[in-house]
Amino acid sequence: MWKWVKEGKISVVRLSERKIYVEKSELERFINEGKKHSE
């Protein structure tokens, strides 16, 4: 996932050291991409 963040594929907002917020639409896309790769 962090590779994608560096490439700018998903936008991440760091709320704190441990809490990371990903925009909902971006998160859904990330999940969908993950499903494609796991099939």
PDB file of N, CA and C in Angstrom:
ATOM      1  N   MET A   1       0.819  -1.206   0.000  1.00  0.00           N
ATOM      2  CA  MET A   1       0.000   0.000   0.000  1.00  0.00           C
ATOM      3  C   MET A   1       0.858   1.263   0.000  1.00  0.00           C
ATOM      4  N   TRP A   2       1.935   1.263   0.782  1.00  0.00           N
ATOM      5  CA  TRP A   2       2.759   2.483   0.871  1.00  0.00           C
ATOM      6  C   TRP A   2       3.384   2.814  -0.460  1.00  0.00           C
ATOM      7  N   LYS A   3       3.661   1.780  -1.259  1.00  0.00           N
ATOM      8  CA  LYS A   3       4.186   1.996  -2.604  1.00  0.00           C
ATOM      9  C   LYS A   3       3.205   2.837  -3.405  1.00  0.00           C
ATOM     10  N   TRP A   4       1.918   2.540  -3.232  1.00  0.00           N
ATOM     11  CA  TRP A   4       0.880   3.274  -3.950  1.00  0.00           C
ATOM     12  C   TRP A   4       0.803   4.711  -3.479  1.00  0.00           C
ATOM     13  N   VAL A   5       0.992   4.914  -2.185  1.00  0.00           N
ATOM     14  CA  VAL A   5       0.949   6.271  -1.633  1.00  0.00           C
ATOM     15  C   VAL A   5       2.065   7.104  -2.256  1.00  0.00           C
ATOM     16  N   LYS A   6       3.252   6.526  -2.332  1.00  0.00           N
ATOM     17  CA  LYS A   6       4.395   7.235  -2.910  1.00  0.00           C
ATOM     18  C   LYS A   6       4.150   7.550  -4.376  1.00  0.00           C
ATOM     19  N   GLU A   7       3.474   6.639  -5.077  1.00  0.00           N
ATOM     20  CA  GLU A   7       3.190   6.843  -6.494  1.00  0.00           C
ATOM     21  C   GLU A   7       2.022   7.789  -6.711  1.00  0.00           C
ATOM     22  N   GLY A   8       1.335   8.165  -5.618  1.00  0.00           N
ATOM     23  CA  GLY A   8       0.225   9.105  -5.734  1.00  0.00           C
ATOM     24  C   GLY A   8      -1.074   8.460  -6.174  1.00  0.00           C
ATOM     25  N   LYS A   9      -1.155   7.125  -6.077  1.00  0.00           N
ATOM     26  CA  LYS A   9      -2.382   6.447  -6.496  1.00  0.00           C
ATOM     27  C   LYS A   9      -3.492   6.618  -5.476  1.00  0.00           C
ATOM     28  N   ILE A  10      -3.138   6.748  -4.214  1.00  0.00           N
ATOM     29  CA  ILE A  10      -4.146   7.001  -3.187  1.00  0.00           C
ATOM     30  C   ILE A  10      -3.690   8.162  -2.324  1.00  0.00           C
ATOM     31  N   SER A  11      -4.649   8.949  -1.871  1.00  0.00           N
ATOM     32  CA  SER A  11      -4.309  10.107  -1.044  1.00  0.00           C
ATOM     33  C   SER A  11      -4.523   9.763   0.418  1.00  0.00           C
ATOM     34  N   VAL A  12      -3.508  10.007   1.215  1.00  0.00           N
ATOM     35  CA  VAL A  12      -3.569   9.657   2.626  1.00  0.00           C
ATOM     36  C   VAL A  12      -3.350  10.903   3.465  1.00  0.00           C
ATOM     37  N   VAL A  13      -4.179  11.051   4.473  1.00  0.00           N
ATOM     38  CA  VAL A  13      -4.016  12.153   5.410  1.00  0.00           C
ATOM     39  C   VAL A  13      -3.626  11.559   6.755  1.00  0.00           C
ATOM     40  N   ARG A  14      -2.503  11.981   7.267  1.00  0.00           N
ATOM     41  CA  ARG A  14      -2.019  11.437   8.536  1.00  0.00           C
ATOM     42  C   ARG A  14      -2.614  12.247   9.683  1.00  0.00           C
ATOM     43  N   LEU A  15      -3.485  11.609  10.458  1.00  0.00           N
ATOM     44  CA  LEU A  15      -4.125  12.298  11.579  1.00  0.00           C
ATOM     45  C   LEU A  15      -3.228  12.270  12.810  1.00  0.00           C
ATOM     46  N   SER A  16      -2.487  11.197  12.954  1.00  0.00           N
ATOM     47  CA  SER A  16      -1.570  11.055  14.086  1.00  0.00           C
ATOM     48  C   SER A  16      -0.538  10.004  13.701  1.00  0.00           C
ATOM     49  N   GLU A  17       0.353   9.690  14.617  1.00  0.00           N
ATOM     50  CA  GLU A  17       1.387   8.698  14.323  1.00  0.00           C
ATOM     51  C   GLU A  17       0.776   7.375  13.886  1.00  0.00           C
ATOM     52  N   ARG A  18      -0.319   6.992  14.521  1.00  0.00           N
ATOM     53  CA  ARG A  18      -0.869   5.655  14.286  1.00  0.00           C
ATOM     54  C   ARG A  18      -2.163   5.636  13.508  1.00  0.00           C
ATOM     55  N   LYS A  19      -2.885   6.755  13.497  1.00  0.00           N
ATOM     56  CA  LYS A  19      -4.162   6.770  12.784  1.00  0.00           C
ATOM     57  C   LYS A  19      -3.950   7.355  11.402  1.00  0.00           C
ATOM     58  N   ILE A  20      -4.326   6.599  10.414  1.00  0.00           N
ATOM     59  CA  ILE A  20      -4.178   7.063   9.040  1.00  0.00           C
ATOM     60  C   ILE A  20      -5.541   7.034   8.374  1.00  0.00           C
ATOM     61  N   TYR A  21      -5.903   8.164   7.796  1.00  0.00           N
ATOM     62  CA  TYR A  21      -7.199   8.292   7.142  1.00  0.00           C
ATOM     63  C   TYR A  21      -7.011   8.280   5.637  1.00  0.00           C
ATOM     64  N   VAL A  22      -7.734   7.413   4.984  1.00  0.00           N
ATOM     65  CA  VAL A  22      -7.725   7.365   3.530  1.00  0.00           C
ATOM     66  C   VAL A  22      -9.117   7.758   3.067  1.00  0.00           C
ATOM     67  N   GLU A  23      -9.179   8.646   2.087  1.00  0.00           N
ATOM     68  CA  GLU A  23     -10.488   9.057   1.588  1.00  0.00           C
ATOM     69  C   GLU A  23     -11.309   7.836   1.198  1.00  0.00           C
ATOM     70  N   LYS A  24     -12.589   7.870   1.517  1.00  0.00           N
ATOM     71  CA  LYS A  24     -13.452   6.711   1.328  1.00  0.00           C
ATOM     72  C   LYS A  24     -13.418   6.193  -0.107  1.00  0.00           C
ATOM     73  N   SER A  25     -13.527   7.089  -1.067  1.00  0.00           N
ATOM     74  CA  SER A  25     -13.525   6.656  -2.466  1.00  0.00           C
ATOM     75  C   SER A  25     -12.190   6.013  -2.820  1.00  0.00           C
ATOM     76  N   GLU A  26     -11.114   6.569  -2.283  1.00  0.00           N
ATOM     77  CA  GLU A  26      -9.792   6.015  -2.547  1.00  0.00           C
ATOM     78  C   GLU A  26      -9.663   4.652  -1.893  1.00  0.00           C
ATOM     79  N   LEU A  27     -10.197   4.530  -0.675  1.00  0.00           N
ATOM     80  CA  LEU A  27     -10.118   3.266   0.051  1.00  0.00           C
ATOM     81  C   LEU A  27     -10.896   2.187  -0.687  1.00  0.00           C
ATOM     82  N   GLU A  28     -12.075   2.538  -1.194  1.00  0.00           N
ATOM     83  CA  GLU A  28     -12.882   1.569  -1.940  1.00  0.00           C
ATOM     84  C   GLU A  28     -12.136   1.113  -3.182  1.00  0.00           C
ATOM     85  N   ARG A  29     -11.466   2.049  -3.854  1.00  0.00           N
ATOM     86  CA  ARG A  29     -10.711   1.690  -5.047  1.00  0.00           C
ATOM     87  C   ARG A  29      -9.555   0.773  -4.674  1.00  0.00           C
ATOM     88  N   PHE A  30      -8.904   1.084  -3.549  1.00  0.00           N
ATOM     89  CA  PHE A  30      -7.796   0.262  -3.074  1.00  0.00           C
ATOM     90  C   PHE A  30      -8.261  -1.161  -2.806  1.00  0.00           C
ATOM     91  N   ILE A  31      -9.427  -1.295  -2.170  1.00  0.00           N
ATOM     92  CA  ILE A  31      -9.980  -2.612  -1.863  1.00  0.00           C
ATOM     93  C   ILE A  31     -10.311  -3.359  -3.156  1.00  0.00           C
ATOM     94  N   ASN A  32     -10.903  -2.651  -4.109  1.00  0.00           N
ATOM     95  CA  ASN A  32     -11.250  -3.285  -5.378  1.00  0.00           C
ATOM     96  C   ASN A  32      -9.999  -3.746  -6.112  1.00  0.00           C
ATOM     97  N   GLU A  33      -8.949  -2.930  -6.091  1.00  0.00           N
ATOM     98  CA  GLU A  33      -7.688  -3.317  -6.721  1.00  0.00           C
ATOM     99  C   GLU A  33      -7.113  -4.540  -6.017  1.00  0.00           C
ATOM    100  N   GLY A  34      -7.212  -4.557  -4.694  1.00  0.00           N
ATOM    101  CA  GLY A  34      -6.697  -5.674  -3.915  1.00  0.00           C
ATOM    102  C   GLY A  34      -7.405  -6.967  -4.267  1.00  0.00           C
ATOM    103  N   LYS A  35      -8.722  -6.875  -4.488  1.00  0.00           N
ATOM    104  CA  LYS A  35      -9.498  -8.059  -4.863  1.00  0.00           C
ATOM    105  C   LYS A  35      -9.040  -8.579  -6.216  1.00  0.00           C
ATOM    106  N   LYS A  36      -8.780  -7.676  -7.143  1.00  0.00           N
ATOM    107  CA  LYS A  36      -8.325  -8.084  -8.471  1.00  0.00           C
ATOM    108  C   LYS A  36      -7.015  -8.854  -8.367  1.00  0.00           C
ATOM    109  N   HIS A  37      -6.102  -8.341  -7.526  1.00  0.00           N
ATOM    110  CA  HIS A  37      -4.787  -8.957  -7.424  1.00  0.00           C
ATOM    111  C   HIS A  37      -4.836 -10.296  -6.700  1.00  0.00           C
ATOM    112  N   SER A  38      -5.807 -10.478  -5.817  1.00  0.00           N
ATOM    113  CA  SER A  38      -5.878 -11.715  -5.037  1.00  0.00           C
ATOM    114  C   SER A  38      -6.571 -12.840  -5.799  1.00  0.00           C
ATOM    115  N   GLU A  39      -7.253 -12.506  -6.887  1.00  0.00           N
ATOM    116  CA  GLU A  39      -7.968 -13.545  -7.636  1.00  0.00           C
ATOM    117  C   GLU A  39      -7.008 -14.381  -8.465  1.00  0.00           C
TER     118      GLU A  39
END
